[in-house]
Amino acid sequence: MDKPTLHVLLVEDNADDVAIVRRMLGKYGRVDFRIDDVASAQGCLEALQRSACDLILLDHGLPDMSGLTL
Protein backbone atom coordinates (compact mmCIF):
# COMPACT_ATOMS: atom_id res chain seq x y z
CA MET A 1 0.00 0.00 0.00
CA ASP A 2 1.32 3.46 -0.91
CA LYS A 3 2.05 5.89 1.87
CA PRO A 4 0.12 9.16 1.85
CA THR A 5 2.05 12.34 1.07
CA LEU A 6 1.57 15.47 3.15
CA HIS A 7 2.64 18.85 1.79
CA VAL A 8 4.26 20.82 4.63
CA LEU A 9 5.10 24.50 4.51
CA LEU A 10 7.87 25.16 7.01
CA VAL A 11 8.19 28.85 7.89
CA GLU A 12 11.51 29.15 9.72
CA ASP A 13 14.37 31.65 9.41
CA ASN A 14 16.99 29.52 11.18
CA ALA A 15 18.71 27.07 8.81
CA ASP A 16 19.68 24.74 11.69
CA ASP A 17 16.04 24.50 12.79
CA VAL A 18 14.96 23.78 9.21
CA ALA A 19 17.45 20.91 9.09
CA ILE A 20 16.21 19.52 12.42
CA VAL A 21 12.56 19.58 11.35
CA ARG A 22 13.39 17.94 8.02
CA ARG A 23 15.38 15.22 9.79
CA MET A 24 12.64 14.59 12.36
CA LEU A 25 9.87 14.36 9.77
CA GLY A 26 12.05 12.10 7.64
CA LYS A 27 12.17 9.57 10.47
CA TYR A 28 8.38 9.14 10.48
CA GLY A 29 7.83 6.19 8.20
CA ARG A 30 4.07 6.11 7.80
CA VAL A 31 3.82 9.28 5.71
CA ASP A 32 5.94 10.84 2.99
CA PHE A 33 6.46 14.56 3.53
CA ARG A 34 6.91 17.10 0.77
CA ILE A 35 8.50 19.98 2.64
CA ASP A 36 8.81 23.50 1.26
CA ASP A 37 10.62 25.95 3.49
CA VAL A 38 10.58 29.73 3.52
CA ALA A 39 12.33 32.15 5.87
CA SER A 40 9.80 34.97 6.25
CA ALA A 41 6.14 35.85 6.59
CA GLN A 42 6.21 37.34 3.10
CA GLY A 43 7.68 34.10 1.76
CA CYS A 44 4.88 32.18 3.47
CA LEU A 45 2.17 34.33 1.88
CA GLU A 46 3.78 33.97 -1.55
CA ALA A 47 4.09 30.19 -1.16
CA LEU A 48 0.42 29.91 -0.20
CA GLN A 49 -0.59 31.90 -3.28
CA ARG A 50 1.30 29.40 -5.48
CA SER A 51 0.07 26.22 -3.82
CA ALA A 52 -2.10 24.93 -0.99
CA CYS A 53 -0.52 22.83 1.73
CA ASP A 54 -1.71 20.31 4.27
CA LEU A 55 0.24 21.64 7.24
CA ILE A 56 2.08 24.84 8.16
CA LEU A 57 4.85 24.69 10.75
CA LEU A 58 5.35 28.31 11.73
CA ASP A 59 8.15 29.95 13.69
CA HIS A 60 6.94 32.44 16.28
CA GLY A 61 9.77 34.92 15.70
CA LEU A 62 10.20 35.80 12.03
CA PRO A 63 12.31 38.70 10.74
CA ASP A 64 9.42 40.59 9.11
CA MET A 65 6.41 39.72 11.30
CA SER A 66 5.58 37.60 14.32
CA GLY A 67 4.21 34.16 13.62
CA LEU A 68 1.12 34.99 15.67
CA THR A 69 0.38 38.04 13.53
CA LEU A 70 0.86 36.06 10.36
PDB file of N, CA and C in Angstrom:
ATOM      1  N   MET A   1       0.839  -1.178   0.000  1.00  0.00           N
ATOM      2  CA  MET A   1       0.000   0.000   0.000  1.00  0.00           C
ATOM      3  C   MET A   1       0.891   1.250   0.000  1.00  0.00           C
ATOM      4  N   ASP A   2       0.551   2.220  -0.842  1.00  0.00           N
ATOM      5  CA  ASP A   2       1.319   3.456  -0.914  1.00  0.00           C
ATOM      6  C   ASP A   2       1.091   4.312   0.323  1.00  0.00           C
ATOM      7  N   LYS A   3       2.158   4.968   0.742  1.00  0.00           N
ATOM      8  CA  LYS A   3       2.045   5.889   1.868  1.00  0.00           C
ATOM      9  C   LYS A   3       1.448   7.206   1.384  1.00  0.00           C
ATOM     10  N   PRO A   4       0.633   7.848   2.232  1.00  0.00           N
ATOM     11  CA  PRO A   4       0.118   9.162   1.855  1.00  0.00           C
ATOM     12  C   PRO A   4       1.255  10.194   1.873  1.00  0.00           C
ATOM     13  N   THR A   5       1.082  11.240   1.103  1.00  0.00           N
ATOM     14  CA  THR A   5       2.045  12.337   1.074  1.00  0.00           C
ATOM     15  C   THR A   5       1.383  13.587   1.630  1.00  0.00           C
ATOM     16  N   LEU A   6       2.048  14.218   2.588  1.00  0.00           N
ATOM     17  CA  LEU A   6       1.567  15.475   3.150  1.00  0.00           C
ATOM     18  C   LEU A   6       2.485  16.602   2.696  1.00  0.00           C
ATOM     19  N   HIS A   7       1.872  17.668   2.205  1.00  0.00           N
ATOM     20  CA  HIS A   7       2.635  18.848   1.795  1.00  0.00           C
ATOM     21  C   HIS A   7       2.742  19.775   3.005  1.00  0.00           C
ATOM     22  N   VAL A   8       3.977  19.991   3.460  1.00  0.00           N
ATOM     23  CA  VAL A   8       4.256  20.816   4.631  1.00  0.00           C
ATOM     24  C   VAL A   8       4.934  22.102   4.186  1.00  0.00           C
ATOM     25  N   LEU A   9       4.431  23.220   4.697  1.00  0.00           N
ATOM     26  CA  LEU A   9       5.100  24.500   4.509  1.00  0.00           C
ATOM     27  C   LEU A   9       5.770  24.848   5.830  1.00  0.00           C
ATOM     28  N   LEU A  10       7.076  24.873   5.819  1.00  0.00           N
ATOM     29  CA  LEU A  10       7.873  25.164   7.009  1.00  0.00           C
ATOM     30  C   LEU A  10       8.333  26.618   6.927  1.00  0.00           C
ATOM     31  N   VAL A  11       7.852  27.436   7.863  1.00  0.00           N
ATOM     32  CA  VAL A  11       8.191  28.854   7.890  1.00  0.00           C
ATOM     33  C   VAL A  11       9.166  29.057   9.043  1.00  0.00           C
ATOM     34  N   GLU A  12      10.447  29.128   8.706  1.00  0.00           N
ATOM     35  CA  GLU A  12      11.507  29.153   9.724  1.00  0.00           C
ATOM     36  C   GLU A  12      12.713  29.889   9.151  1.00  0.00           C
ATOM     37  N   ASP A  13      13.234  30.861   9.901  1.00  0.00           N
ATOM     38  CA  ASP A  13      14.367  31.646   9.412  1.00  0.00           C
ATOM     39  C   ASP A  13      15.719  31.127   9.884  1.00  0.00           C
ATOM     40  N   ASN A  14      15.738  30.082  10.689  1.00  0.00           N
ATOM     41  CA  ASN A  14      16.991  29.519  11.179  1.00  0.00           C
ATOM     42  C   ASN A  14      17.285  28.222  10.419  1.00  0.00           C
ATOM     43  N   ALA A  15      18.377  28.225   9.662  1.00  0.00           N
ATOM     44  CA  ALA A  15      18.709  27.067   8.815  1.00  0.00           C
ATOM     45  C   ALA A  15      18.925  25.793   9.638  1.00  0.00           C
ATOM     46  N   ASP A  16      19.487  25.925  10.838  1.00  0.00           N
ATOM     47  CA  ASP A  16      19.682  24.741  11.686  1.00  0.00           C
ATOM     48  C   ASP A  16      18.341  24.137  12.095  1.00  0.00           C
ATOM     49  N   ASP A  17      17.365  24.992  12.417  1.00  0.00           N
ATOM     50  CA  ASP A  17      16.041  24.496  12.792  1.00  0.00           C
ATOM     51  C   ASP A  17      15.335  23.841  11.606  1.00  0.00           C
ATOM     52  N   VAL A  18      15.527  24.393  10.414  1.00  0.00           N
ATOM     53  CA  VAL A  18      14.955  23.776   9.208  1.00  0.00           C
ATOM     54  C   VAL A  18      15.514  22.365   9.044  1.00  0.00           C
ATOM     55  N   ALA A  19      16.820  22.219   9.219  1.00  0.00           N
ATOM     56  CA  ALA A  19      17.452  20.906   9.086  1.00  0.00           C
ATOM     57  C   ALA A  19      16.927  19.924  10.129  1.00  0.00           C
ATOM     58  N   ILE A  20      16.733  20.390  11.353  1.00  0.00           N
ATOM     59  CA  ILE A  20      16.213  19.524  12.423  1.00  0.00           C
ATOM     60  C   ILE A  20      14.805  19.043  12.088  1.00  0.00           C
ATOM     61  N   VAL A  21      13.945  19.954  11.666  1.00  0.00           N
ATOM     62  CA  VAL A  21      12.564  19.577  11.347  1.00  0.00           C
ATOM     63  C   VAL A  21      12.541  18.598  10.184  1.00  0.00           C
ATOM     64  N   ARG A  22      13.340  18.857   9.157  1.00  0.00           N
ATOM     65  CA  ARG A  22      13.394  17.942   8.015  1.00  0.00           C
ATOM     66  C   ARG A  22      13.849  16.547   8.453  1.00  0.00           C
ATOM     67  N   ARG A  23      14.864  16.511   9.298  1.00  0.00           N
ATOM     68  CA  ARG A  23      15.383  15.222   9.787  1.00  0.00           C
ATOM     69  C   ARG A  23      14.325  14.496  10.618  1.00  0.00           C
ATOM     70  N   MET A  24      13.650  15.215  11.498  1.00  0.00           N
ATOM     71  CA  MET A  24      12.642  14.585  12.359  1.00  0.00           C
ATOM     72  C   MET A  24      11.458  14.054  11.540  1.00  0.00           C
ATOM     73  N   LEU A  25      10.980  14.833  10.591  1.00  0.00           N
ATOM     74  CA  LEU A  25       9.868  14.363   9.769  1.00  0.00           C
ATOM     75  C   LEU A  25      10.295  13.191   8.887  1.00  0.00           C
ATOM     76  N   GLY A  26      11.543  13.194   8.459  1.00  0.00           N
ATOM     77  CA  GLY A  26      12.048  12.100   7.637  1.00  0.00           C
ATOM     78  C   GLY A  26      12.086  10.767   8.360  1.00  0.00           C
ATOM     79  N   LYS A  27      12.127  10.798   9.680  1.00  0.00           N
ATOM     80  CA  LYS A  27      12.166   9.569  10.474  1.00  0.00           C
ATOM     81  C   LYS A  27      10.781   8.923  10.627  1.00  0.00           C
ATOM     82  N   TYR A  28       9.732   9.668  10.335  1.00  0.00           N
ATOM     83  CA  TYR A  28       8.376   9.143  10.484  1.00  0.00           C
ATOM     84  C   TYR A  28       8.028   8.356   9.239  1.00  0.00           C
ATOM     85  N   GLY A  29       7.942   7.047   9.358  1.00  0.00           N
ATOM     86  CA  GLY A  29       7.834   6.186   8.200  1.00  0.00           C
ATOM     87  C   GLY A  29       6.455   5.960   7.626  1.00  0.00           C
ATOM     88  N   ARG A  30       5.420   6.410   8.283  1.00  0.00           N
ATOM     89  CA  ARG A  30       4.072   6.115   7.799  1.00  0.00           C
ATOM     90  C   ARG A  30       3.568   7.099   6.754  1.00  0.00           C
ATOM     91  N   VAL A  31       4.245   8.234   6.634  1.00  0.00           N
ATOM     92  CA  VAL A  31       3.825   9.283   5.713  1.00  0.00           C
ATOM     93  C   VAL A  31       5.060   9.815   5.000  1.00  0.00           C
ATOM     94  N   ASP A  32       4.901  10.111   3.713  1.00  0.00           N
ATOM     95  CA  ASP A  32       5.939  10.841   2.993  1.00  0.00           C
ATOM     96  C   ASP A  32       5.625  12.327   3.124  1.00  0.00           C
ATOM     97  N   PHE A  33       6.648  13.126   3.383  1.00  0.00           N
ATOM     98  CA  PHE A  33       6.464  14.557   3.531  1.00  0.00           C
ATOM     99  C   PHE A  33       7.113  15.281   2.367  1.00  0.00           C
ATOM    100  N   ARG A  34       6.359  16.155   1.742  1.00  0.00           N
ATOM    101  CA  ARG A  34       6.907  17.101   0.765  1.00  0.00           C
ATOM    102  C   ARG A  34       7.039  18.418   1.515  1.00  0.00           C
ATOM    103  N   ILE A  35       8.257  18.829   1.785  1.00  0.00           N
ATOM    104  CA  ILE A  35       8.498  19.983   2.636  1.00  0.00           C
ATOM    105  C   ILE A  35       9.042  21.139   1.810  1.00  0.00           C
ATOM    106  N   ASP A  36       8.319  22.245   1.829  1.00  0.00           N
ATOM    107  CA  ASP A  36       8.811  23.496   1.258  1.00  0.00           C
ATOM    108  C   ASP A  36       9.136  24.403   2.435  1.00  0.00           C
ATOM    109  N   ASP A  37      10.299  25.056   2.391  1.00  0.00           N
ATOM    110  CA  ASP A  37      10.617  25.954   3.492  1.00  0.00           C
ATOM    111  C   ASP A  37      10.852  27.365   2.986  1.00  0.00           C
ATOM    112  N   VAL A  38      10.390  28.306   3.777  1.00  0.00           N
ATOM    113  CA  VAL A  38      10.579  29.734   3.523  1.00  0.00           C
ATOM    114  C   VAL A  38      11.054  30.374   4.817  1.00  0.00           C
ATOM    115  N   ALA A  39      11.696  31.544   4.705  1.00  0.00           N
ATOM    116  CA  ALA A  39      12.330  32.149   5.869  1.00  0.00           C
ATOM    117  C   ALA A  39      11.639  33.413   6.370  1.00  0.00           C
ATOM    118  N   SER A  40      10.459  33.731   5.832  1.00  0.00           N
ATOM    119  CA  SER A  40       9.801  34.969   6.248  1.00  0.00           C
ATOM    120  C   SER A  40       8.291  34.852   6.109  1.00  0.00           C
ATOM    121  N   ALA A  41       7.595  35.789   6.722  1.00  0.00           N
ATOM    122  CA  ALA A  41       6.140  35.845   6.591  1.00  0.00           C
ATOM    123  C   ALA A  41       5.758  36.121   5.141  1.00  0.00           C
ATOM    124  N   GLN A  42       6.481  37.030   4.497  1.00  0.00           N
ATOM    125  CA  GLN A  42       6.208  37.338   3.096  1.00  0.00           C
ATOM    126  C   GLN A  42       6.402  36.098   2.225  1.00  0.00           C
ATOM    127  N   GLY A  43       7.451  35.343   2.500  1.00  0.00           N
ATOM    128  CA  GLY A  43       7.676  34.102   1.764  1.00  0.00           C
ATOM    129  C   GLY A  43       6.547  33.110   1.961  1.00  0.00           C
ATOM    130  N   CYS A  44       6.005  33.064   3.166  1.00  0.00           N
ATOM    131  CA  CYS A  44       4.875  32.183   3.467  1.00  0.00           C
ATOM    132  C   CYS A  44       3.655  32.574   2.640  1.00  0.00           C
ATOM    133  N   LEU A  45       3.338  33.857   2.632  1.00  0.00           N
ATOM    134  CA  LEU A  45       2.172  34.327   1.879  1.00  0.00           C
ATOM    135  C   LEU A  45       2.336  34.048   0.385  1.00  0.00           C
ATOM    136  N   GLU A  46       3.532  34.250  -0.129  1.00  0.00           N
ATOM    137  CA  GLU A  46       3.778  33.972  -1.551  1.00  0.00           C
ATOM    138  C   GLU A  46       3.665  32.479  -1.852  1.00  0.00           C
ATOM    139  N   ALA A  47       4.180  31.640  -0.964  1.00  0.00           N
ATOM    140  CA  ALA A  47       4.091  30.188  -1.163  1.00  0.00           C
ATOM    141  C   ALA A  47       2.641  29.725  -1.149  1.00  0.00           C
ATOM    142  N   LEU A  48       1.835  30.300  -0.271  1.00  0.00           N
ATOM    143  CA  LEU A  48       0.425  29.912  -0.198  1.00  0.00           C
ATOM    144  C   LEU A  48      -0.364  30.377  -1.416  1.00  0.00           C
ATOM    145  N   GLN A  49       0.068  31.456  -2.045  1.00  0.00           N
ATOM    146  CA  GLN A  49      -0.590  31.899  -3.282  1.00  0.00           C
ATOM    147  C   GLN A  49      -0.286  30.942  -4.433  1.00  0.00           C
ATOM    148  N   ARG A  50       0.903  30.333  -4.413  1.00  0.00           N
ATOM    149  CA  ARG A  50       1.300  29.402  -5.476  1.00  0.00           C
ATOM    150  C   ARG A  50       0.653  28.032  -5.312  1.00  0.00           C
ATOM    151  N   SER A  51       0.486  27.594  -4.053  1.00  0.00           N
ATOM    152  CA  SER A  51       0.070  26.216  -3.825  1.00  0.00           C
ATOM    153  C   SER A  51      -0.499  26.058  -2.421  1.00  0.00           C
ATOM    154  N   ALA A  52      -1.540  25.252  -2.309  1.00  0.00           N
ATOM    155  CA  ALA A  52      -2.096  24.928  -0.988  1.00  0.00           C
ATOM    156  C   ALA A  52      -1.180  23.919  -0.306  1.00  0.00           C
ATOM    157  N   CYS A  53      -1.291  23.831   0.996  1.00  0.00           N
ATOM    158  CA  CYS A  53      -0.516  22.832   1.727  1.00  0.00           C
ATOM    159  C   CYS A  53      -1.419  22.164   2.755  1.00  0.00           C
ATOM    160  N   ASP A  54      -0.954  21.053   3.275  1.00  0.00           N
ATOM    161  CA  ASP A  54      -1.714  20.308   4.273  1.00  0.00           C
ATOM    162  C   ASP A  54      -1.414  20.782   5.693  1.00  0.00           C
ATOM    163  N   LEU A  55      -0.208  21.285   5.899  1.00  0.00           N
ATOM    164  CA  LEU A  55       0.244  21.639   7.242  1.00  0.00           C
ATOM    165  C   LEU A  55       1.235  22.789   7.153  1.00  0.00           C
ATOM    166  N   ILE A  56       1.107  23.761   8.058  1.00  0.00           N
ATOM    167  CA  ILE A  56       2.081  24.836   8.164  1.00  0.00           C
ATOM    168  C   ILE A  56       2.747  24.731   9.524  1.00  0.00           C
ATOM    169  N   LEU A  57       4.065  24.628   9.519  1.00  0.00           N
ATOM    170  CA  LEU A  57       4.846  24.692  10.753  1.00  0.00           C
ATOM    171  C   LEU A  57       5.474  26.080  10.771  1.00  0.00           C
ATOM    172  N   LEU A  58       5.081  26.880  11.750  1.00  0.00           N
ATOM    173  CA  LEU A  58       5.349  28.310  11.728  1.00  0.00           C
ATOM    174  C   LEU A  58       6.172  28.742  12.930  1.00  0.00           C
ATOM    175  N   ASP A  59       7.298  29.372  12.655  1.00  0.00           N
ATOM    176  CA  ASP A  59       8.147  29.955  13.688  1.00  0.00           C
ATOM    177  C   ASP A  59       7.428  31.158  14.301  1.00  0.00           C
ATOM    178  N   HIS A  60       7.563  31.307  15.593  1.00  0.00           N
ATOM    179  CA  HIS A  60       6.937  32.444  16.279  1.00  0.00           C
ATOM    180  C   HIS A  60       7.656  33.742  15.954  1.00  0.00           C
ATOM    181  N   GLY A  61       8.979  33.709  15.909  1.00  0.00           N
ATOM    182  CA  GLY A  61       9.766  34.920  15.698  1.00  0.00           C
ATOM    183  C   GLY A  61      10.369  34.974  14.307  1.00  0.00           C
ATOM    184  N   LEU A  62       9.705  35.648  13.394  1.00  0.00           N
ATOM    185  CA  LEU A  62      10.199  35.800  12.030  1.00  0.00           C
ATOM    186  C   LEU A  62      10.792  37.201  11.861  1.00  0.00           C
ATOM    187  N   PRO A  63      11.661  37.398  10.878  1.00  0.00           N
ATOM    188  CA  PRO A  63      12.311  38.700  10.739  1.00  0.00           C
ATOM    189  C   PRO A  63      11.365  39.835  10.331  1.00  0.00           C
ATOM    190  N   ASP A  64      10.290  39.533   9.616  1.00  0.00           N
ATOM    191  CA  ASP A  64       9.422  40.587   9.107  1.00  0.00           C
ATOM    192  C   ASP A  64       8.063  40.678   9.787  1.00  0.00           C
ATOM    193  N   MET A  65       7.719  39.717  10.643  1.00  0.00           N
ATOM    194  CA  MET A  65       6.411  39.716  11.296  1.00  0.00           C
ATOM    195  C   MET A  65       6.398  38.571  12.302  1.00  0.00           C
ATOM    196  N   SER A  66       5.673  38.715  13.382  1.00  0.00           N
ATOM    197  CA  SER A  66       5.580  37.598  14.319  1.00  0.00           C
ATOM    198  C   SER A  66       4.712  36.491  13.719  1.00  0.00           C
ATOM    199  N   GLY A  67       5.004  35.280  14.080  1.00  0.00           N
ATOM    200  CA  GLY A  67       4.206  34.157  13.619  1.00  0.00           C
ATOM    201  C   GLY A  67       2.748  34.281  14.027  1.00  0.00           C
ATOM    202  N   LEU A  68       2.496  34.822  15.208  1.00  0.00           N
ATOM    203  CA  LEU A  68       1.119  34.986  15.669  1.00  0.00           C
ATOM    204  C   LEU A  68       0.367  35.988  14.804  1.00  0.00           C
ATOM    205  N   THR A  69       1.011  37.052  14.405  1.00  0.00           N
ATOM    206  CA  THR A  69       0.376  38.041  13.535  1.00  0.00           C
ATOM    207  C   THR A  69       0.092  37.445  12.163  1.00  0.00           C
ATOM    208  N   LEU A  70       1.029  36.686  11.660  1.00  0.00           N
ATOM    209  CA  LEU A  70       0.864  36.060  10.358  1.00  0.00           C
ATOM    210  C   LEU A  70      -0.327  35.136  10.380  1.00  0.00           C
TER     211      LEU A  70
END
